[in-house]
């Protein structure tokens, strides 16, 4: 784990599931550290902004939706895209899934691994770097899960390409997004593809703030 990352632990309640969860307490310092690397540094050029370090309403919403509707069954294979702190994958693991956590940032994977271990989940988990610009591997999961990943224009087509790369004929996809305009651009891409989509929404309360989170199901 990057020594610059400061960690605090808390208890989360996701419907009837109790989760022990580590979060990052110095997210602003991580932004400052990226800026200090300078514009010629590879991380700066590639815009490796530490969005992963926050717990977002969309992750809470996707987790609640899975548990409320009992979507994940024991033995299901789950691929989480852009896992960040790993809440969605941890919840899927608590529901009995084998979880493959992926992110573009190693610090995110380290935190997701920490959160998996904190919960003494008996199932299996893997943690892998995944660049959506070059998706690789022939893994076809039962579920592809992603919370608030459509946040920059440059990643929208690679995100769709990655979903299509891993989606098998029976794979179900769940995405959550908090109504950003750039997110709508991604869903317009979806509508132009051959994927069948449906959407709903829910209100998520996090840190005293209510956010309407959209839930997109892709068949």
Protein backbone atom coordinates (compact mmCIF):
# COMPACT_ATOMS: atom_id res chain seq x y z
CA UNK A 1 0.00 0.00 0.00
CA UNK A 2 1.23 3.50 -0.84
CA UNK A 3 2.50 5.01 2.46
CA UNK A 4 0.89 8.34 1.49
CA UNK A 5 -2.57 6.76 1.88
CA UNK A 6 -4.07 7.31 5.34
CA UNK A 7 -6.73 4.80 6.31
CA UNK A 8 -9.65 4.78 8.71
CA UNK A 9 -12.15 2.00 9.32
CA UNK A 10 -15.91 2.19 9.80
CA UNK A 11 -18.97 -0.02 9.92
CA UNK A 12 -21.44 0.10 7.04
CA UNK A 13 -24.91 -1.36 6.93
CA UNK A 14 -26.06 -2.45 3.47
CA UNK A 15 -29.63 -3.64 3.95
CA UNK A 16 -29.19 -6.67 6.25
CA UNK A 17 -25.43 -7.00 5.66
CA UNK A 18 -22.91 -5.55 8.12
CA UNK A 19 -19.66 -4.52 6.42
CA UNK A 20 -16.37 -3.56 8.04
CA UNK A 21 -14.91 -1.03 5.64
CA UNK A 22 -11.65 0.89 5.31
CA UNK A 23 -11.72 4.30 3.65
CA UNK A 24 -9.11 6.91 2.75
CA UNK A 25 -9.00 9.90 5.10
CA UNK A 26 -6.57 12.11 3.14
CA UNK A 27 -8.02 12.17 -0.39
CA UNK A 28 -7.04 15.84 -0.89
CA UNK A 29 -3.43 15.02 -0.07
CA UNK A 30 -3.46 12.38 -2.82
CA UNK A 31 -4.64 15.01 -5.31
CA UNK A 32 -1.85 17.32 -4.16
CA UNK A 33 0.70 14.50 -4.51
CA UNK A 34 -0.37 13.92 -8.12
CA UNK A 35 -0.01 17.62 -8.95
CA UNK A 36 3.44 17.75 -7.34
CA UNK A 37 4.63 15.00 -9.68
CA UNK A 38 4.52 17.59 -12.47
CA UNK A 39 2.96 17.65 -15.89
CA UNK A 40 5.73 15.52 -17.42
CA UNK A 41 5.17 12.59 -15.05
CA UNK A 42 3.43 9.55 -16.54
CA UNK A 43 0.72 9.57 -13.84
CA UNK A 44 -0.07 13.24 -14.55
CA UNK A 45 -0.16 12.74 -18.33
CA UNK A 46 -2.46 9.75 -17.93
CA UNK A 47 -4.70 11.70 -15.52
CA UNK A 48 -4.54 9.11 -12.76
CA UNK A 49 -6.73 11.23 -10.52
CA UNK A 50 -7.49 9.46 -7.21
CA UNK A 51 -11.26 9.29 -7.66
CA UNK A 52 -10.92 5.71 -6.38
CA UNK A 53 -10.16 7.01 -2.88
CA UNK A 54 -13.70 8.15 -2.05
CA UNK A 55 -16.80 6.12 -1.21
CA UNK A 56 -19.38 7.26 -3.76
CA UNK A 57 -23.20 7.14 -3.52
CA UNK A 58 -23.34 4.98 -6.64
CA UNK A 59 -21.37 2.22 -4.89
CA UNK A 60 -23.80 2.32 -1.98
CA UNK A 61 -26.75 2.27 -4.38
CA UNK A 62 -25.49 -0.66 -6.43
CA UNK A 63 -24.73 -2.62 -3.26
CA UNK A 64 -28.18 -1.94 -1.82
CA UNK A 65 -29.87 -2.89 -5.09
CA UNK A 66 -28.04 -6.23 -5.25
CA UNK A 67 -28.93 -7.14 -1.68
CA UNK A 68 -32.50 -5.84 -1.75
CA UNK A 69 -33.34 -7.89 -4.83
CA UNK A 70 -31.13 -10.88 -3.91
CA UNK A 71 -29.48 -10.74 -7.34
CA UNK A 72 -26.20 -12.48 -6.54
CA UNK A 73 -26.36 -16.22 -5.88
CA UNK A 74 -23.72 -18.39 -4.20
CA UNK A 75 -21.16 -19.47 -6.77
CA UNK A 76 -21.84 -16.59 -9.19
CA UNK A 77 -18.75 -15.20 -10.89
CA UNK A 78 -18.54 -11.41 -10.62
CA UNK A 79 -16.30 -8.97 -12.47
CA UNK A 80 -16.16 -5.49 -10.93
CA UNK A 81 -14.91 -2.71 -13.21
CA UNK A 82 -13.26 0.30 -11.59
CA UNK A 83 -13.60 -1.21 -8.14
CA UNK A 84 -12.15 1.70 -6.19
CA UNK A 85 -12.40 0.87 -2.48
CA UNK A 86 -14.20 -2.35 -3.41
CA UNK A 87 -17.57 -2.03 -1.66
CA UNK A 88 -19.61 -3.56 -4.49
CA UNK A 89 -17.31 -6.56 -4.80
CA UNK A 90 -17.19 -7.08 -1.04
CA UNK A 91 -20.99 -7.10 -0.89
CA UNK A 92 -21.13 -9.56 -3.81
CA UNK A 93 -18.63 -11.73 -1.94
CA UNK A 94 -20.76 -11.59 1.19
CA UNK A 95 -23.62 -12.87 -0.97
CA UNK A 96 -21.53 -15.87 -2.01
CA UNK A 97 -19.89 -14.75 -5.24
CA UNK A 98 -16.40 -15.38 -6.56
CA UNK A 99 -15.22 -11.83 -7.23
CA UNK A 100 -12.69 -10.49 -9.70
CA UNK A 101 -11.82 -6.92 -8.69
CA UNK A 102 -10.28 -4.74 -11.39
CA UNK A 103 -9.06 -1.16 -11.47
CA UNK A 104 -6.47 0.94 -13.28
CA UNK A 105 -4.80 2.06 -10.03
CA UNK A 106 -2.84 -0.31 -7.81
CA UNK A 107 -3.69 1.65 -4.65
CA UNK A 108 -7.38 1.00 -5.35
CA UNK A 109 -6.77 -2.73 -5.65
CA UNK A 110 -4.77 -2.69 -2.41
CA UNK A 111 -7.69 -1.03 -0.61
CA UNK A 112 -10.23 -3.41 -2.13
CA UNK A 113 -8.09 -6.36 -0.99
CA UNK A 114 -7.88 -4.89 2.51
CA UNK A 115 -11.67 -4.52 2.63
CA UNK A 116 -12.16 -8.09 1.44
CA UNK A 117 -9.88 -9.36 4.20
CA UNK A 118 -11.60 -7.23 6.85
CA UNK A 119 -14.82 -9.12 6.27
CA UNK A 120 -13.53 -12.70 6.55
CA UNK A 121 -15.30 -13.71 3.35
CA UNK A 122 -14.84 -17.44 2.69
CA UNK A 123 -15.07 -17.20 -1.11
CA UNK A 124 -12.35 -16.47 -3.63
CA UNK A 125 -11.22 -13.07 -4.90
CA UNK A 126 -8.63 -11.83 -7.36
CA UNK A 127 -7.32 -8.28 -7.80
CA UNK A 128 -6.03 -7.22 -11.21
CA UNK A 129 -4.97 -4.11 -13.08
CA UNK A 130 -7.27 -3.56 -16.07
CA UNK A 131 -6.79 -0.88 -18.72
CA UNK A 132 -10.09 -0.41 -20.59
CA UNK A 133 -8.15 0.77 -23.62
CA UNK A 134 -6.66 -2.73 -23.91
CA UNK A 135 -9.04 -5.24 -22.30
CA UNK A 136 -7.53 -8.72 -22.28
CA UNK A 137 -8.54 -12.21 -21.20
CA UNK A 138 -11.39 -14.54 -22.04
CA UNK A 139 -13.15 -14.53 -18.66
CA UNK A 140 -16.95 -14.47 -19.05
CA UNK A 141 -18.59 -13.72 -15.67
CA UNK A 142 -22.18 -14.14 -14.59
CA UNK A 143 -22.22 -10.48 -13.60
CA UNK A 144 -20.34 -7.34 -14.60
CA UNK A 145 -20.74 -4.66 -11.94
CA UNK A 146 -19.62 -1.03 -12.12
CA UNK A 147 -20.47 1.95 -9.91
CA UNK A 148 -19.96 5.51 -11.18
CA UNK A 149 -17.38 4.68 -13.84
CA UNK A 150 -18.66 6.91 -16.70
CA UNK A 151 -17.12 10.16 -15.47
CA UNK A 152 -14.79 11.30 -18.29
CA UNK A 153 -15.46 11.58 -22.03
CA UNK A 154 -12.17 9.92 -22.97
CA UNK A 155 -13.09 6.66 -21.22
CA UNK A 156 -16.64 6.19 -22.49
CA UNK A 157 -15.89 4.18 -25.62
CA UNK A 158 -13.15 2.10 -23.88
CA UNK A 159 -15.63 1.35 -21.09
CA UNK A 160 -18.22 0.10 -23.56
CA UNK A 161 -15.57 -1.90 -25.42
CA UNK A 162 -14.51 -3.51 -22.13
CA UNK A 163 -18.07 -4.49 -21.26
CA UNK A 164 -18.51 -6.02 -24.70
CA UNK A 165 -15.16 -7.82 -24.39
CA UNK A 166 -16.11 -9.63 -21.18
CA UNK A 167 -19.85 -9.99 -21.65
CA UNK A 168 -20.87 -13.52 -22.52
CA UNK A 169 -24.31 -14.50 -23.86
CA UNK A 170 -25.62 -15.03 -20.31
CA UNK A 171 -23.72 -12.25 -18.55
CA UNK A 172 -25.81 -9.62 -16.80
CA UNK A 173 -24.48 -6.09 -16.36
CA UNK A 174 -25.38 -3.60 -13.64
CA UNK A 175 -24.16 0.00 -13.70
CA UNK A 176 -24.99 2.85 -11.35
CA UNK A 177 -24.49 6.55 -12.08
CA UNK A 178 -25.55 9.72 -10.20
CA UNK A 179 -27.00 11.66 -13.12
CA UNK A 180 -23.94 13.44 -14.46
CA UNK A 181 -24.21 14.81 -17.97
CA UNK A 182 -21.17 12.84 -19.08
CA UNK A 183 -22.88 9.71 -17.79
CA UNK A 184 -25.81 10.36 -20.07
CA UNK A 185 -23.39 10.45 -22.99
CA UNK A 186 -22.33 6.92 -22.10
CA UNK A 187 -25.89 5.67 -21.98
CA UNK A 188 -26.47 7.20 -25.39
CA UNK A 189 -23.58 5.02 -26.58
CA UNK A 190 -25.31 2.03 -25.04
CA UNK A 191 -28.52 2.83 -26.88
CA UNK A 192 -26.63 2.81 -30.18
CA UNK A 193 -25.16 -0.61 -29.43
CA UNK A 194 -27.02 -3.90 -29.74
CA UNK A 195 -27.31 -4.22 -25.96
CA UNK A 196 -30.75 -4.21 -24.38
CA UNK A 197 -30.99 -1.79 -21.46
CA UNK A 198 -33.48 -0.82 -18.80
CA UNK A 199 -33.16 1.74 -16.05
CA UNK A 200 -34.53 2.70 -12.67
CA UNK A 201 -33.32 4.86 -9.78
CA UNK A 202 -33.11 5.07 -6.01
CA UNK A 203 -32.26 7.66 -3.37
CA UNK A 204 -28.99 7.07 -1.51
CA UNK A 205 -28.08 8.92 1.67
CA UNK A 206 -24.35 9.25 2.34
CA UNK A 207 -22.69 11.68 4.76
CA UNK A 208 -26.05 13.34 5.33
CA UNK A 209 -26.59 14.08 1.63
CA UNK A 210 -29.28 12.47 -0.50
CA UNK A 211 -28.36 11.55 -4.09
CA UNK A 212 -30.58 10.05 -6.76
CA UNK A 213 -28.62 7.18 -8.28
CA UNK A 214 -29.58 5.70 -11.63
CA UNK A 215 -29.45 1.92 -12.01
CA UNK A 216 -28.88 0.53 -15.48
CA UNK A 217 -29.43 -3.12 -16.27
CA UNK A 218 -27.89 -4.40 -19.49
CA UNK A 219 -28.90 -7.70 -20.97
